[in-house]
């Protein structure tokens, strides 16, 4: 296969993922937090422990903006900030139990939206999709 055609297929796939993410997220995010704060919580959920710099880099926002949003999430008791004892300038952010519960509840709503969109899938179809995602994770989204 031509590399250019292959790359265009990848770009098209990524575009479809972004477009469908909106409908999956419909009414899933908590009204307590902003979309940007939700993105931060989602990033921390999947990364387990991150720094403020990593949050800023991932969300393509300034360090002061990331710091301000993290302070708000901390006040809401959705994240925990742990100071590195060896270097007090460094800190690690992780989800609090309340933050984990909020994200799990969000994922339950996303799952409901997913099954409404996808409809019934056979065991073979679910297996094929799972295998395809593993290939994408190792070759495209590494």
N, C-alpha and C. Protein backbone atom coordinates (compact mmCIF):
# COMPACT_ATOMS: atom_id res chain seq x y z
N UNK A 1 0.85 -1.18 0.00
CA UNK A 1 0.00 0.00 0.00
C UNK A 1 0.89 1.24 0.00
N UNK A 2 0.46 2.23 -0.71
CA UNK A 2 1.14 3.52 -0.79
C UNK A 2 1.13 4.17 0.60
N UNK A 3 2.29 4.63 1.07
CA UNK A 3 2.41 5.23 2.41
C UNK A 3 1.53 6.47 2.55
N UNK A 4 1.38 7.25 1.49
CA UNK A 4 0.55 8.45 1.55
C UNK A 4 -0.92 8.09 1.72
N UNK A 5 -1.39 7.09 1.00
CA UNK A 5 -2.77 6.64 1.13
C UNK A 5 -3.01 6.07 2.53
N UNK A 6 -2.04 5.30 3.03
CA UNK A 6 -2.13 4.74 4.37
C UNK A 6 -2.24 5.86 5.40
N UNK A 7 -1.37 6.88 5.28
CA UNK A 7 -1.39 7.98 6.23
C UNK A 7 -2.72 8.74 6.17
N UNK A 8 -3.26 8.94 4.98
CA UNK A 8 -4.56 9.61 4.85
C UNK A 8 -5.66 8.81 5.54
N UNK A 9 -5.57 7.48 5.48
CA UNK A 9 -6.54 6.63 6.17
C UNK A 9 -6.41 6.80 7.68
N UNK A 10 -5.18 6.91 8.17
CA UNK A 10 -4.95 7.13 9.61
C UNK A 10 -5.56 8.47 10.03
N UNK A 11 -5.31 9.51 9.25
CA UNK A 11 -5.84 10.85 9.56
C UNK A 11 -7.37 10.82 9.57
N UNK A 12 -7.95 10.15 8.60
CA UNK A 12 -9.41 10.04 8.54
C UNK A 12 -9.94 9.31 9.77
N UNK A 13 -9.26 8.24 10.18
CA UNK A 13 -9.67 7.49 11.36
C UNK A 13 -9.62 8.37 12.61
N UNK A 14 -8.52 9.10 12.77
CA UNK A 14 -8.36 9.98 13.93
C UNK A 14 -9.47 11.04 13.94
N UNK A 15 -9.77 11.59 12.78
CA UNK A 15 -10.85 12.58 12.68
C UNK A 15 -12.18 11.98 13.10
N UNK A 16 -12.45 10.76 12.68
CA UNK A 16 -13.70 10.09 13.07
C UNK A 16 -13.75 9.83 14.57
N UNK A 17 -12.61 9.47 15.14
CA UNK A 17 -12.56 9.24 16.59
C UNK A 17 -12.92 10.54 17.32
N UNK A 18 -12.32 11.65 16.89
CA UNK A 18 -12.61 12.94 17.54
C UNK A 18 -14.08 13.32 17.38
N UNK A 19 -14.63 13.12 16.19
CA UNK A 19 -16.03 13.48 15.94
C UNK A 19 -16.97 12.63 16.80
N UNK A 20 -16.68 11.34 16.92
CA UNK A 20 -17.54 10.46 17.69
C UNK A 20 -17.36 10.61 19.19
N UNK A 21 -16.21 11.10 19.60
CA UNK A 21 -15.98 11.32 21.03
C UNK A 21 -17.01 12.31 21.57
N UNK A 22 -17.35 13.32 20.79
CA UNK A 22 -18.33 14.32 21.23
C UNK A 22 -19.67 13.66 21.55
N UNK A 23 -20.15 12.78 20.68
CA UNK A 23 -21.45 12.17 20.94
C UNK A 23 -21.38 11.16 22.09
N UNK A 24 -20.24 10.50 22.26
CA UNK A 24 -20.10 9.59 23.40
C UNK A 24 -20.08 10.35 24.72
N UNK A 25 -19.51 11.56 24.70
CA UNK A 25 -19.38 12.36 25.92
C UNK A 25 -20.66 13.14 26.26
N UNK A 26 -21.62 13.14 25.34
CA UNK A 26 -22.85 13.90 25.55
C UNK A 26 -23.48 13.54 26.90
N UNK A 27 -23.65 14.52 27.73
CA UNK A 27 -24.26 14.36 29.06
C UNK A 27 -23.48 13.44 29.99
N UNK A 28 -22.23 13.13 29.66
CA UNK A 28 -21.44 12.23 30.52
C UNK A 28 -20.64 13.00 31.55
N UNK A 29 -20.15 14.18 31.18
CA UNK A 29 -19.31 14.97 32.08
C UNK A 29 -20.14 15.57 33.22
N UNK A 30 -19.57 15.58 34.39
CA UNK A 30 -20.22 16.18 35.56
C UNK A 30 -20.40 17.68 35.35
N UNK A 31 -21.51 18.20 35.82
CA UNK A 31 -21.76 19.65 35.73
C UNK A 31 -20.94 20.44 36.75
N UNK A 32 -20.29 19.73 37.68
CA UNK A 32 -19.48 20.38 38.71
C UNK A 32 -18.18 20.96 38.16
N UNK A 33 -17.74 20.43 37.02
CA UNK A 33 -16.43 20.82 36.48
C UNK A 33 -16.56 21.27 35.03
N UNK A 34 -15.56 22.03 34.60
CA UNK A 34 -15.54 22.53 33.22
C UNK A 34 -14.99 21.43 32.30
N UNK A 35 -15.21 21.58 30.98
CA UNK A 35 -14.63 20.60 30.05
C UNK A 35 -13.11 20.48 30.19
N UNK A 36 -12.43 21.61 30.41
CA UNK A 36 -10.98 21.56 30.57
C UNK A 36 -10.59 20.79 31.84
N UNK A 37 -11.31 21.02 32.92
CA UNK A 37 -11.05 20.29 34.15
C UNK A 37 -11.32 18.80 33.97
N UNK A 38 -12.36 18.49 33.20
CA UNK A 38 -12.64 17.08 32.90
C UNK A 38 -11.46 16.45 32.14
N UNK A 39 -10.93 17.18 31.18
CA UNK A 39 -9.79 16.68 30.41
C UNK A 39 -8.59 16.42 31.31
N UNK A 40 -8.39 17.30 32.28
CA UNK A 40 -7.29 17.11 33.24
C UNK A 40 -7.53 15.84 34.06
N UNK A 41 -8.74 15.69 34.57
CA UNK A 41 -9.03 14.50 35.38
C UNK A 41 -8.89 13.22 34.55
N UNK A 42 -9.32 13.27 33.32
CA UNK A 42 -9.20 12.10 32.44
C UNK A 42 -7.72 11.76 32.21
N UNK A 43 -6.92 12.78 31.96
CA UNK A 43 -5.48 12.57 31.75
C UNK A 43 -4.84 11.97 33.00
N UNK A 44 -5.17 12.51 34.17
CA UNK A 44 -4.60 11.99 35.42
C UNK A 44 -5.10 10.57 35.67
N UNK A 45 -6.36 10.30 35.36
CA UNK A 45 -6.94 8.97 35.56
C UNK A 45 -6.14 7.92 34.80
N UNK A 46 -5.83 8.19 33.55
CA UNK A 46 -5.13 7.21 32.73
C UNK A 46 -3.62 7.21 32.95
N UNK A 47 -3.09 8.31 33.46
CA UNK A 47 -1.64 8.39 33.69
C UNK A 47 -1.26 8.01 35.12
N UNK A 48 -2.21 7.97 36.00
CA UNK A 48 -2.03 7.65 37.42
C UNK A 48 -1.41 8.79 38.23
N UNK A 49 -0.21 9.22 37.89
CA UNK A 49 0.42 10.32 38.61
C UNK A 49 1.17 11.19 37.60
N UNK A 50 0.93 12.49 37.66
CA UNK A 50 1.53 13.41 36.68
C UNK A 50 2.01 14.67 37.38
N UNK A 51 2.79 15.45 36.66
CA UNK A 51 3.24 16.74 37.16
C UNK A 51 2.41 17.85 36.51
N UNK A 52 2.49 19.03 37.05
CA UNK A 52 1.80 20.17 36.48
C UNK A 52 2.28 20.42 35.06
N UNK A 53 3.58 20.29 34.83
CA UNK A 53 4.15 20.48 33.49
C UNK A 53 3.57 19.49 32.50
N UNK A 54 3.40 18.25 32.91
CA UNK A 54 2.82 17.24 32.03
C UNK A 54 1.38 17.56 31.68
N UNK A 55 0.62 18.05 32.65
CA UNK A 55 -0.77 18.45 32.40
C UNK A 55 -0.79 19.58 31.38
N UNK A 56 0.05 20.59 31.60
CA UNK A 56 0.11 21.74 30.68
C UNK A 56 0.47 21.28 29.27
N UNK A 57 1.45 20.41 29.18
CA UNK A 57 1.90 19.92 27.88
C UNK A 57 0.81 19.11 27.19
N UNK A 58 0.18 18.21 27.90
CA UNK A 58 -0.85 17.34 27.32
C UNK A 58 -2.05 18.14 26.82
N UNK A 59 -2.47 19.14 27.59
CA UNK A 59 -3.65 19.91 27.22
C UNK A 59 -3.31 21.14 26.39
N UNK A 60 -2.01 21.33 26.13
CA UNK A 60 -1.56 22.47 25.34
C UNK A 60 -2.04 23.80 25.94
N UNK A 61 -1.82 23.91 27.26
CA UNK A 61 -2.15 25.15 27.96
C UNK A 61 -0.89 25.62 28.70
N UNK A 62 -0.92 26.87 29.13
CA UNK A 62 0.25 27.41 29.82
C UNK A 62 0.37 26.78 31.21
N UNK A 63 1.58 26.83 31.74
CA UNK A 63 1.83 26.29 33.07
C UNK A 63 0.99 27.03 34.13
N UNK A 64 0.89 28.37 34.08
CA UNK A 64 0.03 29.05 35.06
C UNK A 64 -1.45 28.62 34.95
N UNK A 65 -1.94 28.40 33.71
CA UNK A 65 -3.32 27.93 33.54
C UNK A 65 -3.50 26.55 34.13
N UNK A 66 -2.56 25.66 33.86
CA UNK A 66 -2.63 24.31 34.41
C UNK A 66 -2.61 24.36 35.93
N UNK A 67 -1.73 25.16 36.48
CA UNK A 67 -1.62 25.29 37.93
C UNK A 67 -2.93 25.81 38.53
N UNK A 68 -3.52 26.80 37.90
CA UNK A 68 -4.78 27.38 38.39
C UNK A 68 -5.91 26.33 38.37
N UNK A 69 -6.01 25.56 37.26
CA UNK A 69 -7.06 24.55 37.16
C UNK A 69 -6.83 23.43 38.17
N UNK A 70 -5.58 23.06 38.40
CA UNK A 70 -5.28 22.04 39.39
C UNK A 70 -5.64 22.50 40.79
N UNK A 71 -5.42 23.78 41.08
CA UNK A 71 -5.82 24.31 42.39
C UNK A 71 -7.32 24.21 42.58
N UNK A 72 -8.08 24.53 41.52
CA UNK A 72 -9.55 24.43 41.59
C UNK A 72 -9.97 22.98 41.83
N UNK A 73 -9.33 22.05 41.12
CA UNK A 73 -9.66 20.63 41.30
C UNK A 73 -9.28 20.15 42.69
N UNK A 74 -8.21 20.69 43.23
CA UNK A 74 -7.80 20.35 44.58
C UNK A 74 -8.82 20.87 45.60
N UNK A 75 -9.30 22.09 45.40
CA UNK A 75 -10.33 22.65 46.29
C UNK A 75 -11.61 21.83 46.25
N UNK A 76 -11.91 21.26 45.07
CA UNK A 76 -13.08 20.39 44.93
C UNK A 76 -12.82 18.98 45.47
N UNK A 77 -11.59 18.76 45.95
CA UNK A 77 -11.16 17.47 46.51
C UNK A 77 -11.21 16.34 45.48
N UNK A 78 -10.91 16.69 44.20
CA UNK A 78 -10.91 15.70 43.13
C UNK A 78 -9.51 15.18 42.82
N UNK A 79 -8.49 15.94 43.25
CA UNK A 79 -7.11 15.51 43.05
C UNK A 79 -6.35 15.64 44.36
N UNK A 80 -5.21 14.95 44.40
CA UNK A 80 -4.31 15.03 45.54
C UNK A 80 -2.95 15.42 44.99
N UNK A 81 -2.32 16.38 45.63
CA UNK A 81 -1.00 16.82 45.22
C UNK A 81 -0.01 16.40 46.30
N UNK A 82 0.98 15.61 45.88
CA UNK A 82 1.99 15.13 46.82
C UNK A 82 3.32 15.78 46.49
N UNK A 83 3.93 16.39 47.51
CA UNK A 83 5.22 17.05 47.37
C UNK A 83 6.33 16.02 47.49
N UNK A 84 7.30 16.10 46.60
CA UNK A 84 8.47 15.22 46.63
C UNK A 84 9.34 15.65 47.82
N UNK A 85 9.58 14.71 48.74
CA UNK A 85 10.36 15.02 49.94
C UNK A 85 11.81 15.37 49.62
N UNK A 86 12.37 14.79 48.55
CA UNK A 86 13.76 15.05 48.18
C UNK A 86 13.93 16.40 47.49
N UNK A 87 12.91 16.80 46.75
CA UNK A 87 12.96 18.08 46.04
C UNK A 87 11.59 18.73 46.17
N UNK A 88 11.45 19.60 47.15
CA UNK A 88 10.16 20.20 47.49
C UNK A 88 9.56 21.03 46.36
N UNK A 89 10.36 21.32 45.33
CA UNK A 89 9.82 22.06 44.18
C UNK A 89 8.96 21.17 43.29
N UNK A 90 9.17 19.86 43.40
CA UNK A 90 8.45 18.90 42.56
C UNK A 90 7.23 18.36 43.30
N UNK A 91 6.15 18.18 42.55
CA UNK A 91 4.97 17.56 43.12
C UNK A 91 4.31 16.66 42.08
N UNK A 92 3.59 15.69 42.58
CA UNK A 92 2.89 14.73 41.74
C UNK A 92 1.40 14.84 42.01
N UNK A 93 0.63 14.83 40.94
CA UNK A 93 -0.82 14.94 41.05
C UNK A 93 -1.45 13.60 40.73
N UNK A 94 -2.37 13.17 41.57
CA UNK A 94 -3.14 11.95 41.32
C UNK A 94 -4.59 12.22 41.71
N UNK A 95 -5.47 11.31 41.33
CA UNK A 95 -6.88 11.48 41.67
C UNK A 95 -7.13 11.08 43.11
N UNK A 96 -7.99 11.82 43.77
CA UNK A 96 -8.46 11.44 45.10
C UNK A 96 -9.52 10.35 44.91
N UNK A 97 -9.98 9.75 45.98
CA UNK A 97 -11.06 8.76 45.87
C UNK A 97 -12.29 9.40 45.24
N UNK A 98 -12.58 10.63 45.63
CA UNK A 98 -13.73 11.35 45.08
C UNK A 98 -13.53 11.58 43.57
N UNK A 99 -12.31 11.91 43.17
CA UNK A 99 -12.00 12.11 41.75
C UNK A 99 -12.13 10.82 40.96
N UNK A 100 -11.64 9.71 41.54
CA UNK A 100 -11.77 8.40 40.88
C UNK A 100 -13.24 8.05 40.70
N UNK A 101 -14.03 8.27 41.75
CA UNK A 101 -15.46 7.96 41.68
C UNK A 101 -16.16 8.80 40.62
N UNK A 102 -15.80 10.07 40.54
CA UNK A 102 -16.39 10.95 39.53
C UNK A 102 -16.07 10.44 38.13
N UNK A 103 -14.83 10.04 37.90
CA UNK A 103 -14.43 9.54 36.58
C UNK A 103 -15.11 8.20 36.28
N UNK A 104 -15.20 7.33 37.25
CA UNK A 104 -15.87 6.04 37.03
C UNK A 104 -17.34 6.24 36.68
N UNK A 105 -17.97 7.20 37.35
CA UNK A 105 -19.38 7.52 37.05
C UNK A 105 -19.50 8.08 35.64
N UNK A 106 -18.54 8.92 35.24
CA UNK A 106 -18.51 9.46 33.88
C UNK A 106 -18.37 8.34 32.86
N UNK A 107 -17.47 7.40 33.13
CA UNK A 107 -17.27 6.29 32.20
C UNK A 107 -18.50 5.39 32.09
N UNK A 108 -19.27 5.28 33.18
CA UNK A 108 -20.53 4.52 33.12
C UNK A 108 -21.49 5.18 32.14
N UNK A 109 -21.56 6.51 32.18
CA UNK A 109 -22.45 7.23 31.25
C UNK A 109 -21.94 7.13 29.82
N UNK A 110 -20.61 7.16 29.65
CA UNK A 110 -20.03 7.02 28.31
C UNK A 110 -20.34 5.61 27.78
N UNK A 111 -20.24 4.62 28.64
CA UNK A 111 -20.55 3.25 28.24
C UNK A 111 -22.00 3.13 27.78
N UNK A 112 -22.90 3.76 28.51
CA UNK A 112 -24.32 3.76 28.12
C UNK A 112 -24.48 4.38 26.73
N UNK A 113 -23.83 5.53 26.51
CA UNK A 113 -23.90 6.19 25.20
C UNK A 113 -23.29 5.31 24.11
N UNK A 114 -22.19 4.63 24.44
CA UNK A 114 -21.54 3.77 23.47
C UNK A 114 -22.48 2.68 22.99
N UNK A 115 -23.11 1.98 23.94
CA UNK A 115 -23.97 0.86 23.55
C UNK A 115 -25.21 1.34 22.81
N UNK A 116 -25.68 2.54 23.12
CA UNK A 116 -26.80 3.10 22.35
C UNK A 116 -26.38 3.36 20.91
N UNK A 117 -25.15 3.83 20.71
CA UNK A 117 -24.64 4.11 19.36
C UNK A 117 -24.27 2.84 18.62
N UNK A 118 -23.56 1.95 19.29
CA UNK A 118 -23.01 0.76 18.63
C UNK A 118 -24.07 -0.29 18.33
N UNK A 119 -25.08 -0.36 19.18
CA UNK A 119 -26.06 -1.43 19.02
C UNK A 119 -25.44 -2.76 19.42
N UNK A 120 -26.14 -3.83 19.13
CA UNK A 120 -25.61 -5.14 19.53
C UNK A 120 -24.39 -5.54 18.70
N UNK A 121 -23.40 -6.11 19.38
CA UNK A 121 -22.20 -6.63 18.73
C UNK A 121 -22.05 -8.10 19.10
N UNK A 122 -21.68 -8.89 18.13
CA UNK A 122 -21.46 -10.31 18.39
C UNK A 122 -20.14 -10.48 19.13
N UNK A 123 -19.94 -11.65 19.70
CA UNK A 123 -18.68 -11.97 20.38
C UNK A 123 -17.51 -11.82 19.41
N UNK A 124 -17.68 -12.31 18.18
CA UNK A 124 -16.63 -12.21 17.17
C UNK A 124 -16.31 -10.75 16.83
N UNK A 125 -17.35 -9.93 16.71
CA UNK A 125 -17.12 -8.51 16.41
C UNK A 125 -16.38 -7.81 17.55
N UNK A 126 -16.76 -8.11 18.79
CA UNK A 126 -16.08 -7.49 19.93
C UNK A 126 -14.62 -7.94 19.98
N UNK A 127 -14.37 -9.21 19.68
CA UNK A 127 -13.00 -9.73 19.67
C UNK A 127 -12.18 -9.06 18.56
N UNK A 128 -12.76 -8.91 17.38
CA UNK A 128 -12.08 -8.27 16.25
C UNK A 128 -11.76 -6.81 16.57
N UNK A 129 -12.71 -6.11 17.16
CA UNK A 129 -12.49 -4.70 17.53
C UNK A 129 -11.39 -4.59 18.57
N UNK A 130 -11.41 -5.48 19.57
CA UNK A 130 -10.38 -5.47 20.61
C UNK A 130 -9.01 -5.73 20.01
N UNK A 131 -8.90 -6.70 19.13
CA UNK A 131 -7.63 -6.99 18.47
C UNK A 131 -7.15 -5.80 17.64
N UNK A 132 -8.07 -5.18 16.94
CA UNK A 132 -7.72 -4.02 16.11
C UNK A 132 -7.22 -2.86 16.97
N UNK A 133 -7.86 -2.66 18.12
CA UNK A 133 -7.42 -1.59 19.01
C UNK A 133 -6.02 -1.87 19.55
N UNK A 134 -5.72 -3.12 19.83
CA UNK A 134 -4.37 -3.46 20.31
C UNK A 134 -3.33 -3.15 19.25
N UNK A 135 -3.63 -3.43 18.00
CA UNK A 135 -2.71 -3.10 16.91
C UNK A 135 -2.55 -1.58 16.83
N UNK A 136 -3.65 -0.84 16.90
CA UNK A 136 -3.58 0.62 16.85
C UNK A 136 -2.76 1.17 18.02
N UNK A 137 -2.95 0.61 19.20
CA UNK A 137 -2.21 1.08 20.37
C UNK A 137 -0.71 0.87 20.23
N UNK A 138 -0.31 -0.22 19.61
CA UNK A 138 1.13 -0.50 19.51
C UNK A 138 1.77 0.13 18.29
N UNK A 139 1.00 0.37 17.22
CA UNK A 139 1.59 0.86 15.97
C UNK A 139 1.25 2.30 15.65
N UNK A 140 0.15 2.82 16.16
CA UNK A 140 -0.28 4.18 15.81
C UNK A 140 -0.30 5.11 17.02
N UNK A 141 -0.91 4.66 18.10
CA UNK A 141 -1.09 5.50 19.30
C UNK A 141 -0.14 5.10 20.41
N UNK A 142 1.14 5.00 20.12
CA UNK A 142 2.13 4.56 21.10
C UNK A 142 2.62 5.70 21.94
